[in-house]
Amino acid sequence: MSVRQSDSARIVAVGSGKGGTGKTTVSAALAFALAREHGRDVALVDFDPQGSLTRFTGQRAVADPLTAPPVEVHGLSLFRGGATLAGVSPSALTAHLRRAAQPGRTVVVDMRPMLDDPGHAVVLAEPHAFLLVVPELNPESIPEARKLAAMAEARGVPFRVVGNKEENRRPVKRALEFLSTGFGPEMSSVVIKRGAAVAEAHERLLPVTAYAPDSPPGRAIRALADELVAEGVA
């Protein structure tokens, strides 16, 4: 995996290909960890027309995300989502992304779940893009995760897969083994365990790495941030 140049924006796209896997939780928490613990200048970009990341951070979706100025949340610059993102052209999405991609900045993009959304092609076309695939550790999430990873491979974009599971459920060992076998070095050693801390952080509109950094999910996402920084990704 090649190290990015410090004078270029680094783009970390967080996707899953399926809703409900926890990618928005990971996007916000990873961005906060990169800013707080690694001193990165971080921008969050909500590519979802439903504005899940925007609402998660306590903001409202905007009528025209393509021109709305960013807002500051938890020490991060947030480029908000909104319904009009569903119908804009790839060129307009590219221009929107590049508003956030200032030199030296790390941009964390919360992708729309659907794989046919043009936002995936837009992000994967960027020269310094990296894809973080966040499947929930159950059999239903694996096919879409594989498709998303294949999209990155086809474009020569480096990627990493990090499993996400409910803390109060039995680990889906078979799913984790399947992913580890299939992706090899692209499979992160980190496994994120969701649980009470994530739910409580959501209620307070805080990233779990801000609300409970030493909780199991907080530690896992901080370790993921360490991993991406050590490899020059973020």
C-alpha atoms as a PDB file:
ATOM      1  CA  MET A   1       0.000   0.000   0.000  1.00  0.00           C
ATOM      2  CA  SER A   2       1.592   3.279  -1.051  1.00  0.00           C
ATOM      3  CA  VAL A   3       1.998   6.200   1.320  1.00  0.00           C
ATOM      4  CA  ARG A   4       0.152   9.369   0.359  1.00  0.00           C
ATOM      5  CA  GLN A   5       2.008  12.637  -0.075  1.00  0.00           C
ATOM      6  CA  SER A   6       1.506  15.109   2.779  1.00  0.00           C
ATOM      7  CA  ASP A   7       0.577  17.987   0.453  1.00  0.00           C
ATOM      8  CA  SER A   8      -2.381  16.107  -1.043  1.00  0.00           C
ATOM      9  CA  ALA A   9      -5.792  15.557   0.478  1.00  0.00           C
ATOM     10  CA  ARG A  10      -6.380  12.005   1.624  1.00  0.00           C
ATOM     11  CA  ILE A  11      -9.869  10.668   0.946  1.00  0.00           C
ATOM     12  CA  VAL A  12     -11.182   7.795   3.058  1.00  0.00           C
ATOM     13  CA  ALA A  13     -14.552   6.588   1.763  1.00  0.00           C
ATOM     14  CA  VAL A  14     -16.545   4.522   4.256  1.00  0.00           C
ATOM     15  CA  GLY A  15     -19.008   2.192   2.555  1.00  0.00           C
ATOM     16  CA  SER A  16     -20.794  -1.099   2.933  1.00  0.00           C
ATOM     17  CA  GLY A  17     -23.143  -1.628  -0.003  1.00  0.00           C
ATOM     18  CA  LYS A  18     -25.912  -2.285   2.505  1.00  0.00           C
ATOM     19  CA  GLY A  19     -27.712  -0.143   5.059  1.00  0.00           C
ATOM     20  CA  GLY A  20     -27.542  -0.684   8.794  1.00  0.00           C
ATOM     21  CA  THR A  21     -23.983  -1.969   9.028  1.00  0.00           C
ATOM     22  CA  GLY A  22     -22.679   0.867  11.207  1.00  0.00           C
ATOM     23  CA  LYS A  23     -20.720   2.756   8.561  1.00  0.00           C
ATOM     24  CA  THR A  24     -22.027   6.166   9.703  1.00  0.00           C
ATOM     25  CA  THR A  25     -20.988   5.388  13.285  1.00  0.00           C
ATOM     26  CA  VAL A  26     -17.540   4.409  12.014  1.00  0.00           C
ATOM     27  CA  SER A  27     -17.257   7.497   9.777  1.00  0.00           C
ATOM     28  CA  ALA A  28     -17.884   9.952  12.615  1.00  0.00           C
ATOM     29  CA  ALA A  29     -15.824   8.085  15.205  1.00  0.00           C
ATOM     30  CA  LEU A  30     -12.875   7.527  12.870  1.00  0.00           C
ATOM     31  CA  ALA A  31     -12.840  11.188  11.837  1.00  0.00           C
ATOM     32  CA  PHE A  32     -12.861  12.321  15.455  1.00  0.00           C
ATOM     33  CA  ALA A  33     -10.040   9.932  16.385  1.00  0.00           C
ATOM     34  CA  LEU A  34      -7.912  11.130  13.480  1.00  0.00           C
ATOM     35  CA  ALA A  35      -8.417  14.754  14.495  1.00  0.00           C
ATOM     36  CA  ARG A  36      -8.084  14.359  18.266  1.00  0.00           C
ATOM     37  CA  GLU A  37      -5.350  11.759  18.564  1.00  0.00           C
ATOM     38  CA  HIS A  38      -3.379  12.287  15.359  1.00  0.00           C
ATOM     39  CA  GLY A  39      -3.760  16.028  14.863  1.00  0.00           C
ATOM     40  CA  ARG A  40      -5.267  15.691  11.408  1.00  0.00           C
ATOM     41  CA  ASP A  41      -7.277  18.424   9.724  1.00  0.00           C
ATOM     42  CA  VAL A  42     -10.397  16.375   9.013  1.00  0.00           C
ATOM     43  CA  ALA A  43     -13.485  17.075   6.941  1.00  0.00           C
ATOM     44  CA  LEU A  44     -16.576  14.877   7.007  1.00  0.00           C
ATOM     45  CA  VAL A  45     -18.586  14.667   3.793  1.00  0.00           C
ATOM     46  CA  ASP A  46     -22.111  13.254   3.909  1.00  0.00           C
ATOM     47  CA  PHE A  47     -22.798  11.732   0.485  1.00  0.00           C
ATOM     48  CA  ASP A  48     -26.117  10.251   1.593  1.00  0.00           C
ATOM     49  CA  PRO A  49     -29.269  12.079   0.412  1.00  0.00           C
ATOM     50  CA  GLN A  50     -30.933  10.955   3.643  1.00  0.00           C
ATOM     51  CA  GLY A  51     -28.312  12.881   5.581  1.00  0.00           C
ATOM     52  CA  SER A  52     -27.652  10.159   8.156  1.00  0.00           C
ATOM     53  CA  LEU A  53     -24.233  11.528   9.119  1.00  0.00           C
ATOM     54  CA  THR A  54     -25.584  15.065   9.166  1.00  0.00           C
ATOM     55  CA  ARG A  55     -28.365  14.145  11.599  1.00  0.00           C
ATOM     56  CA  PHE A  56     -26.006  11.997  13.644  1.00  0.00           C
ATOM     57  CA  THR A  57     -23.849  15.044  14.351  1.00  0.00           C
ATOM     58  CA  GLY A  58     -26.850  17.111  15.429  1.00  0.00           C
ATOM     59  CA  GLN A  59     -27.234  19.083  12.204  1.00  0.00           C
ATOM     60  CA  ARG A  60     -30.071  19.349   9.719  1.00  0.00           C
ATOM     61  CA  ALA A  61     -29.889  18.265   6.118  1.00  0.00           C
ATOM     62  CA  VAL A  62     -29.694  21.210   3.733  1.00  0.00           C
ATOM     63  CA  ALA A  63     -31.638  22.016   0.578  1.00  0.00           C
ATOM     64  CA  ASP A  64     -28.530  22.361  -1.578  1.00  0.00           C
ATOM     65  CA  PRO A  65     -25.547  20.447  -0.173  1.00  0.00           C
ATOM     66  CA  LEU A  66     -23.469  21.335  -3.241  1.00  0.00           C
ATOM     67  CA  THR A  67     -23.248  25.000  -2.279  1.00  0.00           C
ATOM     68  CA  ALA A  68     -23.992  25.034   1.463  1.00  0.00           C
ATOM     69  CA  PRO A  69     -20.954  26.043   3.506  1.00  0.00           C
ATOM     70  CA  PRO A  70     -19.470  23.514   5.903  1.00  0.00           C
ATOM     71  CA  VAL A  71     -20.246  23.683   9.606  1.00  0.00           C
ATOM     72  CA  GLU A  72     -17.986  22.862  12.524  1.00  0.00           C
ATOM     73  CA  VAL A  73     -18.951  19.828  14.622  1.00  0.00           C
ATOM     74  CA  HIS A  74     -16.734  18.275  17.297  1.00  0.00           C
ATOM     75  CA  GLY A  75     -13.696  20.035  15.823  1.00  0.00           C
ATOM     76  CA  LEU A  76     -14.426  18.709  12.334  1.00  0.00           C
ATOM     77  CA  SER A  77     -15.635  20.426   9.179  1.00  0.00           C
ATOM     78  CA  LEU A  78     -18.911  18.849   8.082  1.00  0.00           C
ATOM     79  CA  PHE A  79     -20.216  19.106   4.535  1.00  0.00           C
ATOM     80  CA  ARG A  80     -23.844  18.235   5.066  1.00  0.00           C
ATOM     81  CA  GLY A  81     -26.080  15.870   3.125  1.00  0.00           C
ATOM     82  CA  GLY A  82     -29.502  16.461   1.655  1.00  0.00           C
ATOM     83  CA  ALA A  83     -32.143  15.009  -0.645  1.00  0.00           C
ATOM     84  CA  THR A  84     -30.898  16.746  -3.786  1.00  0.00           C
ATOM     85  CA  LEU A  85     -27.751  14.603  -3.754  1.00  0.00           C
ATOM     86  CA  ALA A  86     -29.880  11.767  -5.131  1.00  0.00           C
ATOM     87  CA  GLY A  87     -30.260  13.398  -8.521  1.00  0.00           C
ATOM     88  CA  VAL A  88     -27.070  15.331  -9.193  1.00  0.00           C
ATOM     89  CA  SER A  89     -24.567  14.486 -11.904  1.00  0.00           C
ATOM     90  CA  PRO A  90     -21.228  12.784 -11.231  1.00  0.00           C
ATOM     91  CA  SER A  91     -19.423  15.984 -12.210  1.00  0.00           C
ATOM     92  CA  ALA A  92     -21.411  17.943  -9.612  1.00  0.00           C
ATOM     93  CA  LEU A  93     -20.600  15.334  -6.958  1.00  0.00           C
ATOM     94  CA  THR A  94     -16.927  15.517  -7.909  1.00  0.00           C
ATOM     95  CA  ALA A  95     -16.919  19.290  -7.503  1.00  0.00           C
ATOM     96  CA  HIS A  96     -18.678  18.901  -4.145  1.00  0.00           C
ATOM     97  CA  LEU A  97     -16.078  16.420  -2.916  1.00  0.00           C
ATOM     98  CA  ARG A  98     -13.223  18.608  -4.043  1.00  0.00           C
ATOM     99  CA  ARG A  99     -14.583  21.533  -2.029  1.00  0.00           C
ATOM    100  CA  ALA A 100     -13.633  19.514   1.034  1.00  0.00           C
ATOM    101  CA  ALA A 101     -10.372  18.075  -0.306  1.00  0.00           C
ATOM    102  CA  GLN A 102      -7.989  20.844   0.615  1.00  0.00           C
ATOM    103  CA  PRO A 103      -4.233  20.157   0.597  1.00  0.00           C
ATOM    104  CA  GLY A 104      -3.032  18.351   3.696  1.00  0.00           C
ATOM    105  CA  ARG A 105      -6.535  17.449   4.834  1.00  0.00           C
ATOM    106  CA  THR A 106      -8.057  14.036   5.479  1.00  0.00           C
ATOM    107  CA  VAL A 107     -11.577  13.737   4.070  1.00  0.00           C
ATOM    108  CA  VAL A 108     -13.844  11.033   5.481  1.00  0.00           C
ATOM    109  CA  VAL A 109     -16.815  10.361   3.197  1.00  0.00           C
ATOM    110  CA  ASP A 110     -19.923   8.580   4.462  1.00  0.00           C
ATOM    111  CA  MET A 111     -21.139   6.806   1.337  1.00  0.00           C
ATOM    112  CA  ARG A 112     -24.699   6.068   0.328  1.00  0.00           C
ATOM    113  CA  PRO A 113     -25.512   2.365   0.913  1.00  0.00           C
ATOM    114  CA  MET A 114     -26.624   1.540  -2.640  1.00  0.00           C
ATOM    115  CA  LEU A 115     -23.786   0.325  -4.833  1.00  0.00           C
ATOM    116  CA  ASP A 116     -25.295   1.806  -7.991  1.00  0.00           C
ATOM    117  CA  ASP A 117     -25.110   5.299  -6.535  1.00  0.00           C
ATOM    118  CA  PRO A 118     -22.767   7.481  -8.665  1.00  0.00           C
ATOM    119  CA  GLY A 119     -20.992   8.639  -5.524  1.00  0.00           C
ATOM    120  CA  HIS A 120     -18.987   5.413  -5.445  1.00  0.00           C
ATOM    121  CA  ALA A 121     -17.576   5.958  -8.926  1.00  0.00           C
ATOM    122  CA  VAL A 122     -16.853   9.608  -8.079  1.00  0.00           C
ATOM    123  CA  VAL A 123     -14.870   8.797  -4.949  1.00  0.00           C
ATOM    124  CA  LEU A 124     -13.026   5.838  -6.447  1.00  0.00           C
ATOM    125  CA  ALA A 125     -11.902   8.021  -9.349  1.00  0.00           C
ATOM    126  CA  GLU A 126     -10.018  10.384  -7.038  1.00  0.00           C
ATOM    127  CA  PRO A 127      -6.221   9.951  -7.203  1.00  0.00           C
ATOM    128  CA  HIS A 128      -5.737   9.695  -3.414  1.00  0.00           C
ATOM    129  CA  ALA A 129      -8.799   7.677  -2.512  1.00  0.00           C
ATOM    130  CA  PHE A 130      -8.918   4.790  -0.064  1.00  0.00           C
ATOM    131  CA  LEU A 131     -11.978   2.626   0.576  1.00  0.00           C
ATOM    132  CA  LEU A 132     -12.934   1.356   4.010  1.00  0.00           C
ATOM    133  CA  VAL A 133     -15.523  -1.401   3.685  1.00  0.00           C
ATOM    134  CA  VAL A 134     -17.592  -1.904   6.852  1.00  0.00           C
ATOM    135  CA  PRO A 135     -19.708  -5.068   6.675  1.00  0.00           C
ATOM    136  CA  GLU A 136     -21.746  -6.266   9.601  1.00  0.00           C
ATOM    137  CA  LEU A 137     -20.516  -9.713  10.554  1.00  0.00           C
ATOM    138  CA  ASN A 138     -23.427 -11.714   9.262  1.00  0.00           C
ATOM    139  CA  PRO A 139     -23.884 -13.696   6.046  1.00  0.00           C
ATOM    140  CA  GLU A 140     -26.302 -11.146   4.570  1.00  0.00           C
ATOM    141  CA  SER A 141     -23.698  -8.367   4.481  1.00  0.00           C
ATOM    142  CA  ILE A 142     -20.869 -10.304   2.867  1.00  0.00           C
ATOM    143  CA  PRO A 143     -22.017 -10.351  -0.791  1.00  0.00           C
ATOM    144  CA  GLU A 144     -22.395  -6.577  -0.960  1.00  0.00           C
ATOM    145  CA  ALA A 145     -19.064  -6.063   0.805  1.00  0.00           C
ATOM    146  CA  ARG A 146     -17.392  -8.271  -1.797  1.00  0.00           C
ATOM    147  CA  LYS A 147     -18.999  -6.317  -4.635  1.00  0.00           C
ATOM    148  CA  LEU A 148     -17.842  -3.014  -3.162  1.00  0.00           C
ATOM    149  CA  ALA A 149     -14.295  -4.290  -2.695  1.00  0.00           C
ATOM    150  CA  ALA A 150     -14.324  -5.533  -6.288  1.00  0.00           C
ATOM    151  CA  MET A 151     -15.261  -2.031  -7.462  1.00  0.00           C
ATOM    152  CA  ALA A 152     -12.164  -0.690  -5.722  1.00  0.00           C
ATOM    153  CA  GLU A 153      -9.931  -3.446  -7.096  1.00  0.00           C
ATOM    154  CA  ALA A 154     -11.159  -2.799 -10.639  1.00  0.00           C
ATOM    155  CA  ARG A 155     -10.076   0.835 -10.321  1.00  0.00           C
ATOM    156  CA  GLY A 156      -6.786   0.121  -8.576  1.00  0.00           C
ATOM    157  CA  VAL A 157      -7.974   1.804  -5.361  1.00  0.00           C
ATOM    158  CA  PRO A 158      -6.525   0.402  -2.118  1.00  0.00           C
ATOM    159  CA  PHE A 159      -9.076  -0.774   0.415  1.00  0.00           C
ATOM    160  CA  ARG A 160      -9.452  -2.313   3.839  1.00  0.00           C
ATOM    161  CA  VAL A 161     -12.289  -4.404   5.300  1.00  0.00           C
ATOM    162  CA  VAL A 162     -13.199  -4.015   8.972  1.00  0.00           C
ATOM    163  CA  GLY A 163     -15.878  -6.210  10.511  1.00  0.00           C
ATOM    164  CA  ASN A 164     -18.588  -4.743  12.713  1.00  0.00           C
ATOM    165  CA  LYS A 165     -20.826  -6.686  15.087  1.00  0.00           C
ATOM    166  CA  GLU A 166     -23.267  -6.283  17.928  1.00  0.00           C
ATOM    167  CA  GLU A 167     -21.523  -6.695  21.261  1.00  0.00           C
ATOM    168  CA  ASN A 168     -24.444  -8.572  22.827  1.00  0.00           C
ATOM    169  CA  ARG A 169     -24.634 -11.208  20.103  1.00  0.00           C
ATOM    170  CA  ARG A 170     -22.532 -14.300  19.625  1.00  0.00           C
ATOM    171  CA  PRO A 171     -19.688 -13.514  17.206  1.00  0.00           C
ATOM    172  CA  VAL A 172     -20.393 -14.718  13.702  1.00  0.00           C
ATOM    173  CA  LYS A 173     -17.181 -16.690  13.504  1.00  0.00           C
ATOM    174  CA  ARG A 174     -17.924 -18.147  10.101  1.00  0.00           C
ATOM    175  CA  ALA A 175     -18.477 -14.706   8.560  1.00  0.00           C
ATOM    176  CA  LEU A 176     -15.229 -13.376  10.005  1.00  0.00           C
ATOM    177  CA  GLU A 177     -13.292 -16.413   8.819  1.00  0.00           C
ATOM    178  CA  PHE A 178     -14.822 -16.111   5.367  1.00  0.00           C
ATOM    179  CA  LEU A 179     -13.852 -12.453   5.090  1.00  0.00           C
ATOM    180  CA  SER A 180     -10.342 -13.073   6.432  1.00  0.00           C
ATOM    181  CA  THR A 181      -9.777 -15.900   3.958  1.00  0.00           C
ATOM    182  CA  GLY A 182     -11.206 -13.965   1.036  1.00  0.00           C
ATOM    183  CA  PHE A 183      -9.481 -10.641   1.620  1.00  0.00           C
ATOM    184  CA  GLY A 184      -6.212 -11.688   3.282  1.00  0.00           C
ATOM    185  CA  PRO A 185      -4.018  -8.603   3.898  1.00  0.00           C
ATOM    186  CA  GLU A 186      -6.898  -6.282   3.062  1.00  0.00           C
ATOM    187  CA  MET A 187      -8.774  -7.549   6.138  1.00  0.00           C
ATOM    188  CA  SER A 188      -8.152  -5.377   9.176  1.00  0.00           C
ATOM    189  CA  SER A 189      -7.115  -7.013  12.422  1.00  0.00           C
ATOM    190  CA  VAL A 190      -9.624  -4.699  14.112  1.00  0.00           C
ATOM    191  CA  VAL A 191     -13.143  -5.944  14.830  1.00  0.00           C
ATOM    192  CA  ILE A 192     -15.576  -3.286  16.003  1.00  0.00           C
ATOM    193  CA  LYS A 193     -17.994  -4.377  18.727  1.00  0.00           C
ATOM    194  CA  ARG A 194     -21.105  -2.277  18.923  1.00  0.00           C
ATOM    195  CA  GLY A 195     -22.989  -2.068  22.196  1.00  0.00           C
ATOM    196  CA  ALA A 196     -24.279   0.250  24.903  1.00  0.00           C
ATOM    197  CA  ALA A 197     -21.586   2.884  24.398  1.00  0.00           C
ATOM    198  CA  VAL A 198     -22.540   3.335  20.740  1.00  0.00           C
ATOM    199  CA  ALA A 199     -26.234   3.697  21.590  1.00  0.00           C
ATOM    200  CA  GLU A 200     -25.482   6.201  24.335  1.00  0.00           C
ATOM    201  CA  ALA A 201     -23.172   8.190  22.063  1.00  0.00           C
ATOM    202  CA  HIS A 202     -25.911   8.325  19.422  1.00  0.00           C
ATOM    203  CA  GLU A 203     -28.369   9.694  21.967  1.00  0.00           C
ATOM    204  CA  ARG A 204     -25.906  12.467  22.794  1.00  0.00           C
ATOM    205  CA  LEU A 205     -25.067  13.133  19.120  1.00  0.00           C
ATOM    206  CA  LEU A 206     -21.405  12.376  19.777  1.00  0.00           C
ATOM    207  CA  PRO A 207     -18.892  10.092  18.068  1.00  0.00           C
ATOM    208  CA  VAL A 208     -18.272   7.091  20.281  1.00  0.00           C
ATOM    209  CA  THR A 209     -14.553   7.954  20.284  1.00  0.00           C
ATOM    210  CA  ALA A 210     -15.492  11.267  21.923  1.00  0.00           C
ATOM    211  CA  TYR A 211     -18.140   9.947  24.299  1.00  0.00           C
ATOM    212  CA  ALA A 212     -16.466   6.711  25.403  1.00  0.00           C
ATOM    213  CA  PRO A 213     -12.986   6.395  23.888  1.00  0.00           C
ATOM    214  CA  ASP A 214     -12.049   3.481  26.159  1.00  0.00           C
ATOM    215  CA  SER A 215     -15.189   1.449  25.510  1.00  0.00           C
ATOM    216  CA  PRO A 216     -14.788  -1.642  23.264  1.00  0.00           C
ATOM    217  CA  PRO A 217     -16.042   0.185  20.125  1.00  0.00           C
ATOM    218  CA  GLY A 218     -14.097   3.316  21.033  1.00  0.00           C
ATOM    219  CA  ARG A 219     -10.852   1.368  21.436  1.00  0.00           C
ATOM    220  CA  ALA A 220     -11.445  -0.542  18.221  1.00  0.00           C
ATOM    221  CA  ILE A 221     -12.033   2.553  16.115  1.00  0.00           C
ATOM    222  CA  ARG A 222      -9.061   4.312  17.691  1.00  0.00           C
ATOM    223  CA  ALA A 223      -6.959   1.271  16.760  1.00  0.00           C
ATOM    224  CA  LEU A 224      -8.312   1.484  13.235  1.00  0.00           C
ATOM    225  CA  ALA A 225      -7.275   5.153  13.084  1.00  0.00           C
ATOM    226  CA  ASP A 226      -3.784   4.171  14.293  1.00  0.00           C
ATOM    227  CA  GLU A 227      -3.621   1.502  11.588  1.00  0.00           C
ATOM    228  CA  LEU A 228      -4.597   3.884   8.791  1.00  0.00           C
ATOM    229  CA  VAL A 229      -2.184   6.579   9.947  1.00  0.00           C
ATOM    230  CA  ALA A 230       0.699   4.114  10.269  1.00  0.00           C
ATOM    231  CA  GLU A 231       0.140   3.043   6.667  1.00  0.00           C
ATOM    232  CA  GLY A 232      -0.081   6.606   5.348  1.00  0.00           C
ATOM    233  CA  VAL A 233      -3.747   6.293   4.430  1.00  0.00           C
ATOM    234  CA  ALA A 234      -5.141   9.026   6.681  1.00  0.00           C
END
